[in-house]
PDB file of N, CA and C in Angstrom:
ATOM      1  N   MET A   1       0.843  -1.171   0.000  1.00  0.00           N
ATOM      2  CA  MET A   1       0.000   0.000   0.000  1.00  0.00           C
ATOM      3  C   MET A   1       0.894   1.241   0.000  1.00  0.00           C
ATOM      4  N   SER A   2       0.569   2.193  -0.839  1.00  0.00           N
ATOM      5  CA  SER A   2       1.362   3.419  -0.918  1.00  0.00           C
ATOM      6  C   SER A   2       1.010   4.352   0.241  1.00  0.00           C
ATOM      7  N   VAL A   3       1.906   5.283   0.513  1.00  0.00           N
ATOM      8  CA  VAL A   3       1.668   6.267   1.565  1.00  0.00           C
ATOM      9  C   VAL A   3       0.423   7.083   1.244  1.00  0.00           C
ATOM     10  N   GLU A   4       0.266   7.458  -0.024  1.00  0.00           N
ATOM     11  CA  GLU A   4      -0.896   8.260  -0.413  1.00  0.00           C
ATOM     12  C   GLU A   4      -2.205   7.504  -0.211  1.00  0.00           C
ATOM     13  N   SER A   5      -2.255   6.230  -0.572  1.00  0.00           N
ATOM     14  CA  SER A   5      -3.499   5.467  -0.377  1.00  0.00           C
ATOM     15  C   SER A   5      -3.770   5.258   1.110  1.00  0.00           C
ATOM     16  N   LEU A   6      -2.721   5.126   1.910  1.00  0.00           N
ATOM     17  CA  LEU A   6      -2.900   5.013   3.357  1.00  0.00           C
ATOM     18  C   LEU A   6      -3.460   6.314   3.926  1.00  0.00           C
ATOM     19  N   LYS A   7      -2.944   7.443   3.471  1.00  0.00           N
ATOM     20  CA  LYS A   7      -3.468   8.741   3.918  1.00  0.00           C
ATOM     21  C   LYS A   7      -4.959   8.848   3.628  1.00  0.00           C
ATOM     22  N   VAL A   8      -5.368   8.433   2.440  1.00  0.00           N
ATOM     23  CA  VAL A   8      -6.780   8.484   2.061  1.00  0.00           C
ATOM     24  C   VAL A   8      -7.609   7.620   3.008  1.00  0.00           C
ATOM     25  N   GLN A   9      -7.137   6.435   3.324  1.00  0.00           N
ATOM     26  CA  GLN A   9      -7.860   5.544   4.234  1.00  0.00           C
ATOM     27  C   GLN A   9      -7.970   6.139   5.636  1.00  0.00           C
ATOM     28  N   ILE A  10      -6.903   6.756   6.108  1.00  0.00           N
ATOM     29  CA  ILE A  10      -6.919   7.372   7.440  1.00  0.00           C
ATOM     30  C   ILE A  10      -7.908   8.528   7.479  1.00  0.00           C
ATOM     31  N   ILE A  11      -7.883   9.377   6.470  1.00  0.00           N
ATOM     32  CA  ILE A  11      -8.804  10.514   6.405  1.00  0.00           C
ATOM     33  C   ILE A  11     -10.244  10.025   6.346  1.00  0.00           C
ATOM     34  N   LYS A  12     -10.513   9.038   5.507  1.00  0.00           N
ATOM     35  CA  LYS A  12     -11.871   8.494   5.386  1.00  0.00           C
ATOM     36  C   LYS A  12     -12.351   7.949   6.729  1.00  0.00           C
ATOM     37  N   LYS A  13     -11.493   7.203   7.402  1.00  0.00           N
ATOM     38  CA  LYS A  13     -11.848   6.641   8.710  1.00  0.00           C
ATOM     39  C   LYS A  13     -12.144   7.758   9.709  1.00  0.00           C
ATOM     40  N   ALA A  14     -11.342   8.816   9.701  1.00  0.00           N
ATOM     41  CA  ALA A  14     -11.551   9.942  10.620  1.00  0.00           C
ATOM     42  C   ALA A  14     -12.869  10.651  10.339  1.00  0.00           C
ATOM     43  N   TRP A  15     -13.239  10.779   9.074  1.00  0.00           N
ATOM     44  CA  TRP A  15     -14.510  11.415   8.726  1.00  0.00           C
ATOM     45  C   TRP A  15     -15.702  10.560   9.145  1.00  0.00           C
ATOM     46  N   GLU A  16     -15.544   9.256   9.084  1.00  0.00           N
ATOM     47  CA  GLU A  16     -16.656   8.343   9.368  1.00  0.00           C
ATOM     48  C   GLU A  16     -16.769   7.947  10.838  1.00  0.00           C
ATOM     49  N   ASP A  17     -15.688   8.062  11.597  1.00  0.00           N
ATOM     50  CA  ASP A  17     -15.652   7.542  12.966  1.00  0.00           C
ATOM     51  C   ASP A  17     -15.150   8.623  13.926  1.00  0.00           C
ATOM     52  N   PRO A  18     -16.070   9.298  14.628  1.00  0.00           N
ATOM     53  CA  PRO A  18     -15.670  10.389  15.528  1.00  0.00           C
ATOM     54  C   PRO A  18     -14.699   9.961  16.634  1.00  0.00           C
ATOM     55  N   GLU A  19     -14.828   8.747  17.136  1.00  0.00           N
ATOM     56  CA  GLU A  19     -13.919   8.276  18.188  1.00  0.00           C
ATOM     57  C   GLU A  19     -12.500   8.089  17.645  1.00  0.00           C
ATOM     58  N   PHE A  20     -12.397   7.539  16.430  1.00  0.00           N
ATOM     59  CA  PHE A  20     -11.083   7.396  15.804  1.00  0.00           C
ATOM     60  C   PHE A  20     -10.466   8.769  15.567  1.00  0.00           C
ATOM     61  N   LYS A  21     -11.262   9.705  15.066  1.00  0.00           N
ATOM     62  CA  LYS A  21     -10.769  11.058  14.806  1.00  0.00           C
ATOM     63  C   LYS A  21     -10.248  11.697  16.093  1.00  0.00           C
ATOM     64  N   LYS A  22     -10.989  11.542  17.171  1.00  0.00           N
ATOM     65  CA  LYS A  22     -10.581  12.102  18.459  1.00  0.00           C
ATOM     66  C   LYS A  22      -9.234  11.518  18.900  1.00  0.00           C
ATOM     67  N   LEU A  23      -9.090  10.194  18.790  1.00  0.00           N
ATOM     68  CA  LEU A  23      -7.837   9.540  19.158  1.00  0.00           C
ATOM     69  C   LEU A  23      -6.710   9.940  18.206  1.00  0.00           C
ATOM     70  N   LEU A  24      -7.010  10.028  16.923  1.00  0.00           N
ATOM     71  CA  LEU A  24      -6.005  10.406  15.925  1.00  0.00           C
ATOM     72  C   LEU A  24      -5.427  11.785  16.218  1.00  0.00           C
ATOM     73  N   LEU A  25      -6.279  12.720  16.597  1.00  0.00           N
ATOM     74  CA  LEU A  25      -5.811  14.068  16.916  1.00  0.00           C
ATOM     75  C   LEU A  25      -5.036  14.105  18.236  1.00  0.00           C
ATOM     76  N   ALA A  26      -5.461  13.299  19.212  1.00  0.00           N
ATOM     77  CA  ALA A  26      -4.826  13.316  20.533  1.00  0.00           C
ATOM     78  C   ALA A  26      -3.570  12.454  20.603  1.00  0.00           C
ATOM     79  N   ASP A  27      -3.610  11.294  19.970  1.00  0.00           N
ATOM     80  CA  ASP A  27      -2.504  10.329  20.058  1.00  0.00           C
ATOM     81  C   ASP A  27      -2.414   9.559  18.739  1.00  0.00           C
ATOM     82  N   PRO A  28      -1.848  10.192  17.703  1.00  0.00           N
ATOM     83  CA  PRO A  28      -1.855   9.594  16.368  1.00  0.00           C
ATOM     84  C   PRO A  28      -1.196   8.222  16.281  1.00  0.00           C
ATOM     85  N   LYS A  29      -0.116   8.018  17.010  1.00  0.00           N
ATOM     86  CA  LYS A  29       0.571   6.722  16.936  1.00  0.00           C
ATOM     87  C   LYS A  29      -0.317   5.601  17.469  1.00  0.00           C
ATOM     88  N   SER A  30      -1.007   5.858  18.563  1.00  0.00           N
ATOM     89  CA  SER A  30      -1.919   4.849  19.114  1.00  0.00           C
ATOM     90  C   SER A  30      -3.080   4.582  18.168  1.00  0.00           C
ATOM     91  N   ALA A  31      -3.598   5.640  17.555  1.00  0.00           N
ATOM     92  CA  ALA A  31      -4.719   5.489  16.629  1.00  0.00           C
ATOM     93  C   ALA A  31      -4.325   4.633  15.429  1.00  0.00           C
ATOM     94  N   LEU A  32      -3.149   4.878  14.870  1.00  0.00           N
ATOM     95  CA  LEU A  32      -2.698   4.109  13.708  1.00  0.00           C
ATOM     96  C   LEU A  32      -2.403   2.662  14.082  1.00  0.00           C
ATOM     97  N   LYS A  33      -1.865   2.454  15.270  1.00  0.00           N
ATOM     98  CA  LYS A  33      -1.591   1.091  15.736  1.00  0.00           C
ATOM     99  C   LYS A  33      -2.903   0.328  15.930  1.00  0.00           C
ATOM    100  N   LYS A  34      -3.863   0.967  16.592  1.00  0.00           N
ATOM    101  CA  LYS A  34      -5.140   0.325  16.910  1.00  0.00           C
ATOM    102  C   LYS A  34      -5.955   0.001  15.662  1.00  0.00           C
ATOM    103  N   GLU A  35      -6.069   0.948  14.753  1.00  0.00           N
ATOM    104  CA  GLU A  35      -6.974   0.792  13.613  1.00  0.00           C
ATOM    105  C   GLU A  35      -6.330   0.192  12.367  1.00  0.00           C
ATOM    106  N   PHE A  36      -5.024   0.400  12.197  1.00  0.00           N
ATOM    107  CA  PHE A  36      -4.375  -0.046  10.967  1.00  0.00           C
ATOM    108  C   PHE A  36      -3.209  -1.001  11.203  1.00  0.00           C
ATOM    109  N   GLY A  37      -2.886  -1.263  12.463  1.00  0.00           N
ATOM    110  CA  GLY A  37      -1.778  -2.162  12.767  1.00  0.00           C
ATOM    111  C   GLY A  37      -0.417  -1.580  12.440  1.00  0.00           C
ATOM    112  N   ILE A  38      -0.341  -0.262  12.334  1.00  0.00           N
ATOM    113  CA  ILE A  38       0.910   0.413  12.000  1.00  0.00           C
ATOM    114  C   ILE A  38       1.616   0.783  13.295  1.00  0.00           C
ATOM    115  N   ASP A  39       2.817   0.270  13.470  1.00  0.00           N
ATOM    116  CA  ASP A  39       3.600   0.524  14.672  1.00  0.00           C
ATOM    117  C   ASP A  39       4.796   1.391  14.297  1.00  0.00           C
ATOM    118  N   LEU A  40       4.703   2.681  14.571  1.00  0.00           N
ATOM    119  CA  LEU A  40       5.783   3.610  14.235  1.00  0.00           C
ATOM    120  C   LEU A  40       6.886   3.542  15.284  1.00  0.00           C
ATOM    121  N   PRO A  41       8.136   3.721  14.867  1.00  0.00           N
ATOM    122  CA  PRO A  41       9.249   3.696  15.820  1.00  0.00           C
ATOM    123  C   PRO A  41       9.093   4.780  16.896  1.00  0.00           C
ATOM    124  N   ALA A  42       9.659   4.523  18.056  1.00  0.00           N
ATOM    125  CA  ALA A  42       9.557   5.452  19.187  1.00  0.00           C
ATOM    126  C   ALA A  42      10.154   6.820  18.863  1.00  0.00           C
ATOM    127  N   ASP A  43      11.172   6.859  17.999  1.00  0.00           N
ATOM    128  CA  ASP A  43      11.817   8.137  17.691  1.00  0.00           C
ATOM    129  C   ASP A  43      11.093   8.942  16.612  1.00  0.00           C
ATOM    130  N   VAL A  44       9.979   8.429  16.105  1.00  0.00           N
ATOM    131  CA  VAL A  44       9.180   9.162  15.118  1.00  0.00           C
ATOM    132  C   VAL A  44       8.127   9.974  15.861  1.00  0.00           C
ATOM    133  N   ASP A  45       8.103  11.279  15.604  1.00  0.00           N
ATOM    134  CA  ASP A  45       7.123  12.177  16.210  1.00  0.00           C
ATOM    135  C   ASP A  45       6.081  12.505  15.149  1.00  0.00           C
ATOM    136  N   LEU A  46       4.876  11.992  15.311  1.00  0.00           N
ATOM    137  CA  LEU A  46       3.807  12.191  14.334  1.00  0.00           C
ATOM    138  C   LEU A  46       2.809  13.195  14.878  1.00  0.00           C
ATOM    139  N   LYS A  47       2.518  14.216  14.101  1.00  0.00           N
ATOM    140  CA  LYS A  47       1.538  15.222  14.490  1.00  0.00           C
ATOM    141  C   LYS A  47       0.398  15.215  13.475  1.00  0.00           C
ATOM    142  N   VAL A  48      -0.823  15.249  13.976  1.00  0.00           N
ATOM    143  CA  VAL A  48      -2.003  15.331  13.123  1.00  0.00           C
ATOM    144  C   VAL A  48      -2.720  16.624  13.482  1.00  0.00           C
ATOM    145  N   VAL A  49      -3.004  17.432  12.480  1.00  0.00           N
ATOM    146  CA  VAL A  49      -3.740  18.676  12.679  1.00  0.00           C
ATOM    147  C   VAL A  49      -4.942  18.674  11.749  1.00  0.00           C
ATOM    148  N   GLU A  50      -5.958  19.403  12.142  1.00  0.00           N
ATOM    149  CA  GLU A  50      -7.182  19.446  11.345  1.00  0.00           C
ATOM    150  C   GLU A  50      -7.317  20.811  10.684  1.00  0.00           C
ATOM    151  N   GLU A  51      -7.415  20.804   9.367  1.00  0.00           N
ATOM    152  CA  GLU A  51      -7.656  22.048   8.649  1.00  0.00           C
ATOM    153  C   GLU A  51      -9.117  22.442   8.808  1.00  0.00           C
ATOM    154  N   THR A  52      -9.371  23.734   8.646  1.00  0.00           N
ATOM    155  CA  THR A  52     -10.736  24.245   8.632  1.00  0.00           C
ATOM    156  C   THR A  52     -10.926  24.996   7.318  1.00  0.00           C
ATOM    157  N   THR A  53     -12.092  25.568   7.143  1.00  0.00           N
ATOM    158  CA  THR A  53     -12.314  26.347   5.924  1.00  0.00           C
ATOM    159  C   THR A  53     -11.484  27.627   5.923  1.00  0.00           C
ATOM    160  N   GLU A  54     -11.003  28.050   7.107  1.00  0.00           N
ATOM    161  CA  GLU A  54     -10.198  29.265   7.207  1.00  0.00           C
ATOM    162  C   GLU A  54      -8.719  29.006   7.487  1.00  0.00           C
ATOM    163  N   THR A  55      -8.358  27.787   7.833  1.00  0.00           N
ATOM    164  CA  THR A  55      -6.978  27.481   8.207  1.00  0.00           C
ATOM    165  C   THR A  55      -6.443  26.345   7.358  1.00  0.00           C
ATOM    166  N   TYR A  56      -5.305  26.583   6.720  1.00  0.00           N
ATOM    167  CA  TYR A  56      -4.653  25.580   5.886  1.00  0.00           C
ATOM    168  C   TYR A  56      -3.220  25.397   6.368  1.00  0.00           C
ATOM    169  N   TYR A  57      -2.661  24.228   6.104  1.00  0.00           N
ATOM    170  CA  TYR A  57      -1.292  23.930   6.508  1.00  0.00           C
ATOM    171  C   TYR A  57      -0.474  23.536   5.286  1.00  0.00           C
ATOM    172  N   LEU A  58       0.731  24.047   5.225  1.00  0.00           N
ATOM    173  CA  LEU A  58       1.691  23.666   4.201  1.00  0.00           C
ATOM    174  C   LEU A  58       2.845  22.986   4.921  1.00  0.00           C
ATOM    175  N   VAL A  59       3.085  21.730   4.600  1.00  0.00           N
ATOM    176  CA  VAL A  59       4.132  20.961   5.266  1.00  0.00           C
ATOM    177  C   VAL A  59       5.386  20.977   4.404  1.00  0.00           C
ATOM    178  N   LEU A  60       6.466  21.434   4.993  1.00  0.00           N
ATOM    179  CA  LEU A  60       7.749  21.443   4.297  1.00  0.00           C
ATOM    180  C   LEU A  60       8.543  20.214   4.728  1.00  0.00           C
ATOM    181  N   PRO A  61       8.858  19.336   3.788  1.00  0.00           N
ATOM    182  CA  PRO A  61       9.666  18.162   4.141  1.00  0.00           C
ATOM    183  C   PRO A  61      11.113  18.578   4.371  1.00  0.00           C
ATOM    184  N   PRO A  62      11.878  17.726   5.046  1.00  0.00           N
ATOM    185  CA  PRO A  62      13.297  18.049   5.214  1.00  0.00           C
ATOM    186  C   PRO A  62      13.992  18.065   3.861  1.00  0.00           C
ATOM    187  N   GLU A  63      15.008  18.903   3.752  1.00  0.00           N
ATOM    188  CA  GLU A  63      15.767  18.946   2.505  1.00  0.00           C
ATOM    189  C   GLU A  63      16.498  17.627   2.312  1.00  0.00           C
ATOM    190  N   PRO A  64      16.449  17.078   1.096  1.00  0.00           N
ATOM    191  CA  PRO A  64      17.187  15.842   0.842  1.00  0.00           C
ATOM    192  C   PRO A  64      18.690  16.093   0.954  1.00  0.00           C
ATOM    193  N   THR A  65      19.376  15.180   1.593  1.00  0.00           N
ATOM    194  CA  THR A  65      20.831  15.268   1.715  1.00  0.00           C
ATOM    195  C   THR A  65      21.416  13.892   1.451  1.00  0.00           C
ATOM    196  N   ALA A  66      22.707  13.855   1.255  1.00  0.00           N
ATOM    197  CA  ALA A  66      23.375  12.564   1.061  1.00  0.00           C
ATOM    198  C   ALA A  66      23.263  11.717   2.324  1.00  0.00           C
ATOM    199  N   GLU A  67      23.201  12.369   3.488  1.00  0.00           N
ATOM    200  CA  GLU A  67      23.137  11.640   4.752  1.00  0.00           C
ATOM    201  C   GLU A  67      21.816  10.908   4.941  1.00  0.00           C
ATOM    202  N   ASN A  68      20.716  11.589   4.669  1.00  0.00           N
ATOM    203  CA  ASN A  68      19.428  10.936   4.897  1.00  0.00           C
ATOM    204  C   ASN A  68      18.865  10.283   3.642  1.00  0.00           C
ATOM    205  N   ASN A  69      19.482  10.540   2.499  1.00  0.00           N
ATOM    206  CA  ASN A  69      19.138   9.872   1.248  1.00  0.00           C
ATOM    207  C   ASN A  69      17.641   9.921   0.944  1.00  0.00           C
ATOM    208  N   LEU A  70      17.000  11.037   1.240  1.00  0.00           N
ATOM    209  CA  LEU A  70      15.570  11.173   0.965  1.00  0.00           C
ATOM    210  C   LEU A  70      15.350  11.483  -0.506  1.00  0.00           C
ATOM    211  N   LYS A  71      14.316  10.905  -1.053  1.00  0.00           N
ATOM    212  CA  LYS A  71      13.956  11.170  -2.444  1.00  0.00           C
ATOM    213  C   LYS A  71      12.500  11.607  -2.472  1.00  0.00           C
ATOM    214  N   TYR A  72      12.256  12.782  -3.018  1.00  0.00           N
ATOM    215  CA  TYR A  72      10.897  13.284  -3.130  1.00  0.00           C
ATOM    216  C   TYR A  72      10.518  13.349  -4.603  1.00  0.00           C
ATOM    217  N   VAL A  73       9.340  12.890  -4.890  1.00  0.00           N
ATOM    218  CA  VAL A  73       8.834  12.916  -6.256  1.00  0.00           C
ATOM    219  C   VAL A  73       7.720  13.951  -6.308  1.00  0.00           C
ATOM    220  N   TRP A  74       7.911  14.945  -7.144  1.00  0.00           N
ATOM    221  CA  TRP A  74       6.900  15.988  -7.293  1.00  0.00           C
ATOM    222  C   TRP A  74       6.100  15.703  -8.547  1.00  0.00           C
ATOM    223  N   SER A  75       4.806  15.681  -8.395  1.00  0.00           N
ATOM    224  CA  SER A  75       3.947  15.423  -9.559  1.00  0.00           C
ATOM    225  C   SER A  75       3.157  16.647  -9.922  1.00  0.00           C
TER     226      SER A  75
END
């Protein structure tokens, strides 16, 4: 499963299930573990925020470097 398709599933679940949404906003790692079986490493800090009609978020990924070998594909 791709990251993008997983994001879609998480968003859909949050829209359909108020309890999941509440947990996702308060404790995203626990929510993903409980509902999707995804166990993120302890050193990963995951933040979930909710956009509104007046508030939008732009996420800047870390710059790719030789050290972290990140590859971003822009479509």
